[in-house]
């Protein structure tokens, strides 16, 4: 089944809810006044399978003397990554890159080119002790999400198999009030062609 039901009570800490198949589960934590609620859904996978249909469930958040607030939870069960990969996009490694908002002056920027440059041992080719399969750096990409499924446009200005790199990555929305994080993925032996946007 791709359906589940969970119940949570008001809290100011993580509530972990498990769903073996269908059924209701509850947990609680104490708090007073205005409270933030975080809900973490965990599953052992039983009865939940990858597919085009999202898995759904309901979460009810309640506190003493207050009306219960029903929330809907939708989540996808991703298929397992290809053999030898850590990620479902086929890449074995990833890293986060954060642009400090203090470096963005004036206002938010749209489609802003961010320079990623330096000497990174992990981005060297495997023959040079790194984790990039292509001697040309073709199996290096940038994404806006931590799962590597939403690619960002980028240009490769320079790549050395020793790990010296220079990439220009187009960030759709670069905030001047909050840090912006995007991701680099690398190490994919199935990639043999240039992934950059020239």
Protein backbone atom coordinates (compact mmCIF):
# COMPACT_ATOMS: atom_id res chain seq x y z
CA UNK A 1 0.00 0.00 0.00
CA UNK A 2 1.12 3.57 -0.64
CA UNK A 3 -1.00 5.01 2.14
CA UNK A 4 -0.23 5.58 5.80
CA UNK A 5 -1.57 7.44 8.82
CA UNK A 6 0.34 9.07 11.64
CA UNK A 7 -0.55 11.16 14.68
CA UNK A 8 1.75 13.58 16.53
CA UNK A 9 1.18 15.74 19.59
CA UNK A 10 2.49 19.32 20.17
CA UNK A 11 6.24 19.40 20.63
CA UNK A 12 9.37 21.46 20.39
CA UNK A 13 11.62 18.62 19.30
CA UNK A 14 11.76 15.96 16.61
CA UNK A 15 8.99 13.39 16.61
CA UNK A 16 9.91 10.26 14.68
CA UNK A 17 6.98 8.32 13.28
CA UNK A 18 7.29 4.86 11.82
CA UNK A 19 4.95 3.13 9.41
CA UNK A 20 5.40 -0.59 8.87
CA UNK A 21 2.42 -0.67 6.53
CA UNK A 22 -0.92 0.95 7.34
CA UNK A 23 -1.81 2.14 10.79
CA UNK A 24 -1.73 5.01 13.24
CA UNK A 25 1.25 5.84 15.46
CA UNK A 26 1.76 8.59 18.00
CA UNK A 27 4.43 10.28 20.05
CA UNK A 28 4.63 13.50 22.01
CA UNK A 29 6.86 16.04 23.69
CA UNK A 30 5.94 18.74 26.17
CA UNK A 31 6.08 22.49 25.57
CA UNK A 32 4.27 25.70 26.38
CA UNK A 33 3.38 28.87 24.53
CA UNK A 34 4.01 29.16 20.82
CA UNK A 35 5.74 26.04 19.58
CA UNK A 36 7.43 25.01 16.37
CA UNK A 37 6.61 21.51 15.20
CA UNK A 38 8.97 19.27 13.23
CA UNK A 39 7.82 15.91 11.92
CA UNK A 40 10.23 13.29 10.64
CA UNK A 41 8.69 10.35 8.79
CA UNK A 42 10.72 7.14 8.82
CA UNK A 43 9.85 3.83 7.22
CA UNK A 44 11.35 0.39 7.07
CA UNK A 45 10.09 0.15 3.50
CA UNK A 46 7.45 -2.52 4.10
CA UNK A 47 4.49 -1.90 1.85
CA UNK A 48 6.08 1.18 0.30
CA UNK A 49 7.50 0.80 -3.17
CA UNK A 50 9.10 3.14 -5.73
CA UNK A 51 6.81 4.40 -8.42
CA UNK A 52 5.09 7.34 -10.01
CA UNK A 53 2.40 7.53 -7.32
CA UNK A 54 3.46 9.49 -4.23
CA UNK A 55 3.18 7.88 -0.82
CA UNK A 56 0.83 9.90 1.35
CA UNK A 57 -0.18 10.07 4.96
CA UNK A 58 -1.73 12.43 7.47
CA UNK A 59 -0.20 14.03 10.54
CA UNK A 60 -2.35 15.57 13.27
CA UNK A 61 -0.65 18.10 15.52
CA UNK A 62 -2.48 18.96 18.75
CA UNK A 63 -1.74 20.80 21.98
CA UNK A 64 -3.62 21.07 25.27
CA UNK A 65 -6.58 23.42 24.98
CA UNK A 66 -6.06 23.99 21.26
CA UNK A 67 -7.78 22.69 18.16
CA UNK A 68 -6.00 19.81 16.40
CA UNK A 69 -4.32 20.83 13.17
CA UNK A 70 -4.34 18.12 10.46
CA UNK A 71 -1.41 18.19 8.06
CA UNK A 72 -0.91 16.18 4.88
CA UNK A 73 2.42 14.52 4.24
CA UNK A 74 3.44 13.51 0.72
CA UNK A 75 6.71 11.80 -0.02
CA UNK A 76 8.28 9.72 -2.76
CA UNK A 77 10.08 6.44 -2.27
CA UNK A 78 13.07 6.63 -4.59
CA UNK A 79 14.38 3.51 -6.32
CA UNK A 80 17.71 2.21 -5.08
CA UNK A 81 20.78 3.82 -6.70
CA UNK A 82 22.59 1.99 -9.50
CA UNK A 83 25.19 -0.53 -8.39
CA UNK A 84 28.37 1.26 -7.34
CA UNK A 85 26.56 4.61 -6.91
CA UNK A 86 25.58 6.41 -3.75
CA UNK A 87 22.91 8.52 -5.48
CA UNK A 88 19.98 7.69 -7.74
CA UNK A 89 21.41 10.03 -10.41
CA UNK A 90 24.33 7.61 -10.84
CA UNK A 91 26.96 9.72 -9.07
CA UNK A 92 29.06 8.34 -6.26
CA UNK A 93 30.01 11.54 -4.43
CA UNK A 94 28.56 14.94 -3.61
CA UNK A 95 29.32 18.10 -1.71
CA UNK A 96 27.50 21.26 -0.65
CA UNK A 97 28.58 24.75 -1.70
CA UNK A 98 27.21 27.72 0.25
CA UNK A 99 27.21 31.35 -0.85
CA UNK A 100 27.16 33.64 2.18
CA UNK A 101 24.39 36.22 1.88
CA UNK A 102 26.81 38.90 3.09
CA UNK A 103 28.62 38.53 -0.23
CA UNK A 104 25.43 39.45 -2.14
CA UNK A 105 24.97 43.19 -1.93
CA UNK A 106 21.90 45.31 -2.57
CA UNK A 107 19.21 42.84 -3.58
CA UNK A 108 18.50 39.27 -4.60
CA UNK A 109 20.12 38.26 -7.89
CA UNK A 110 18.50 36.22 -10.66
CA UNK A 111 20.45 33.72 -12.81
CA UNK A 112 23.67 34.90 -11.23
CA UNK A 113 26.95 33.23 -12.31
CA UNK A 114 28.88 31.98 -9.27
CA UNK A 115 32.54 31.08 -9.70
CA UNK A 116 33.66 27.78 -8.19
CA UNK A 117 37.43 27.60 -8.44
CA UNK A 118 40.39 26.20 -6.59
CA UNK A 119 42.39 23.03 -6.13
CA UNK A 120 40.22 20.18 -4.86
CA UNK A 121 41.85 16.75 -4.45
CA UNK A 122 38.48 14.94 -4.69
CA UNK A 123 37.86 16.55 -8.10
CA UNK A 124 41.09 15.13 -9.50
CA UNK A 125 40.79 12.19 -11.87
CA UNK A 126 40.96 8.71 -10.41
CA UNK A 127 44.36 8.21 -12.06
CA UNK A 128 45.58 11.16 -9.97
CA UNK A 129 44.11 9.91 -6.70
CA UNK A 130 40.78 11.75 -7.00
CA UNK A 131 37.21 10.60 -7.51
CA UNK A 132 36.38 11.93 -10.99
CA UNK A 133 36.27 9.22 -13.64
CA UNK A 134 36.62 11.41 -16.72
CA UNK A 135 40.07 12.85 -17.47
CA UNK A 136 38.18 15.85 -18.88
CA UNK A 137 36.03 16.35 -15.80
CA UNK A 138 32.85 15.45 -17.66
CA UNK A 139 31.38 13.63 -14.66
CA UNK A 140 31.15 16.78 -12.54
CA UNK A 141 27.74 18.46 -12.35
CA UNK A 142 25.99 21.03 -10.17
CA UNK A 143 22.42 20.83 -8.86
CA UNK A 144 20.08 22.95 -6.78
CA UNK A 145 18.93 19.99 -4.67
CA UNK A 146 20.83 17.65 -2.37
CA UNK A 147 19.58 14.57 -4.26
CA UNK A 148 21.19 15.71 -7.49
CA UNK A 149 18.00 15.63 -9.55
CA UNK A 150 17.63 19.33 -10.47
CA UNK A 151 20.66 20.30 -12.58
CA UNK A 152 22.02 23.82 -12.74
CA UNK A 153 23.47 25.36 -15.88
CA UNK A 154 27.23 25.69 -15.68
CA UNK A 155 30.30 26.36 -17.80
CA UNK A 156 33.67 24.70 -17.34
CA UNK A 157 36.31 27.37 -17.72
CA UNK A 158 39.15 25.09 -16.69
CA UNK A 159 39.65 21.53 -15.53
CA UNK A 160 42.92 19.82 -14.68
CA UNK A 161 43.04 16.09 -13.86
CA UNK A 162 45.09 17.09 -10.81
CA UNK A 163 42.03 18.80 -9.29
CA UNK A 164 42.54 22.44 -10.28
CA UNK A 165 39.15 23.66 -11.51
CA UNK A 166 37.18 26.74 -12.49
CA UNK A 167 33.42 26.48 -13.07
CA UNK A 168 30.80 29.18 -13.55
CA UNK A 169 27.50 27.97 -12.08
CA UNK A 170 24.23 29.80 -12.84
CA UNK A 171 22.19 30.20 -9.66
CA UNK A 172 18.50 30.96 -10.43
CA UNK A 173 17.87 32.87 -7.20
CA UNK A 174 20.75 34.20 -5.11
CA UNK A 175 19.49 35.75 -1.87
CA UNK A 176 21.05 38.75 -0.15
CA UNK A 177 19.27 37.94 3.14
CA UNK A 178 19.81 34.17 3.50
CA UNK A 179 22.68 31.89 2.55
CA UNK A 180 22.24 30.01 -0.74
CA UNK A 181 23.36 26.39 -0.97
CA UNK A 182 23.83 24.33 -4.11
CA UNK A 183 25.53 21.00 -4.71
CA UNK A 184 28.30 19.40 -6.73
CA UNK A 185 28.12 15.75 -7.81
CA UNK A 186 31.06 13.82 -9.20
CA UNK A 187 32.27 10.31 -9.90
CA UNK A 188 30.09 8.65 -12.51
CA UNK A 189 31.79 6.19 -14.89
CA UNK A 190 28.76 6.10 -17.20
CA UNK A 191 29.22 9.77 -18.16
CA UNK A 192 31.46 10.10 -21.21
CA UNK A 193 30.23 13.37 -22.74
CA UNK A 194 30.44 16.98 -21.64
CA UNK A 195 27.58 17.92 -19.26
CA UNK A 196 28.31 21.65 -19.22
CA UNK A 197 26.36 24.38 -20.98
CA UNK A 198 28.75 26.11 -23.35
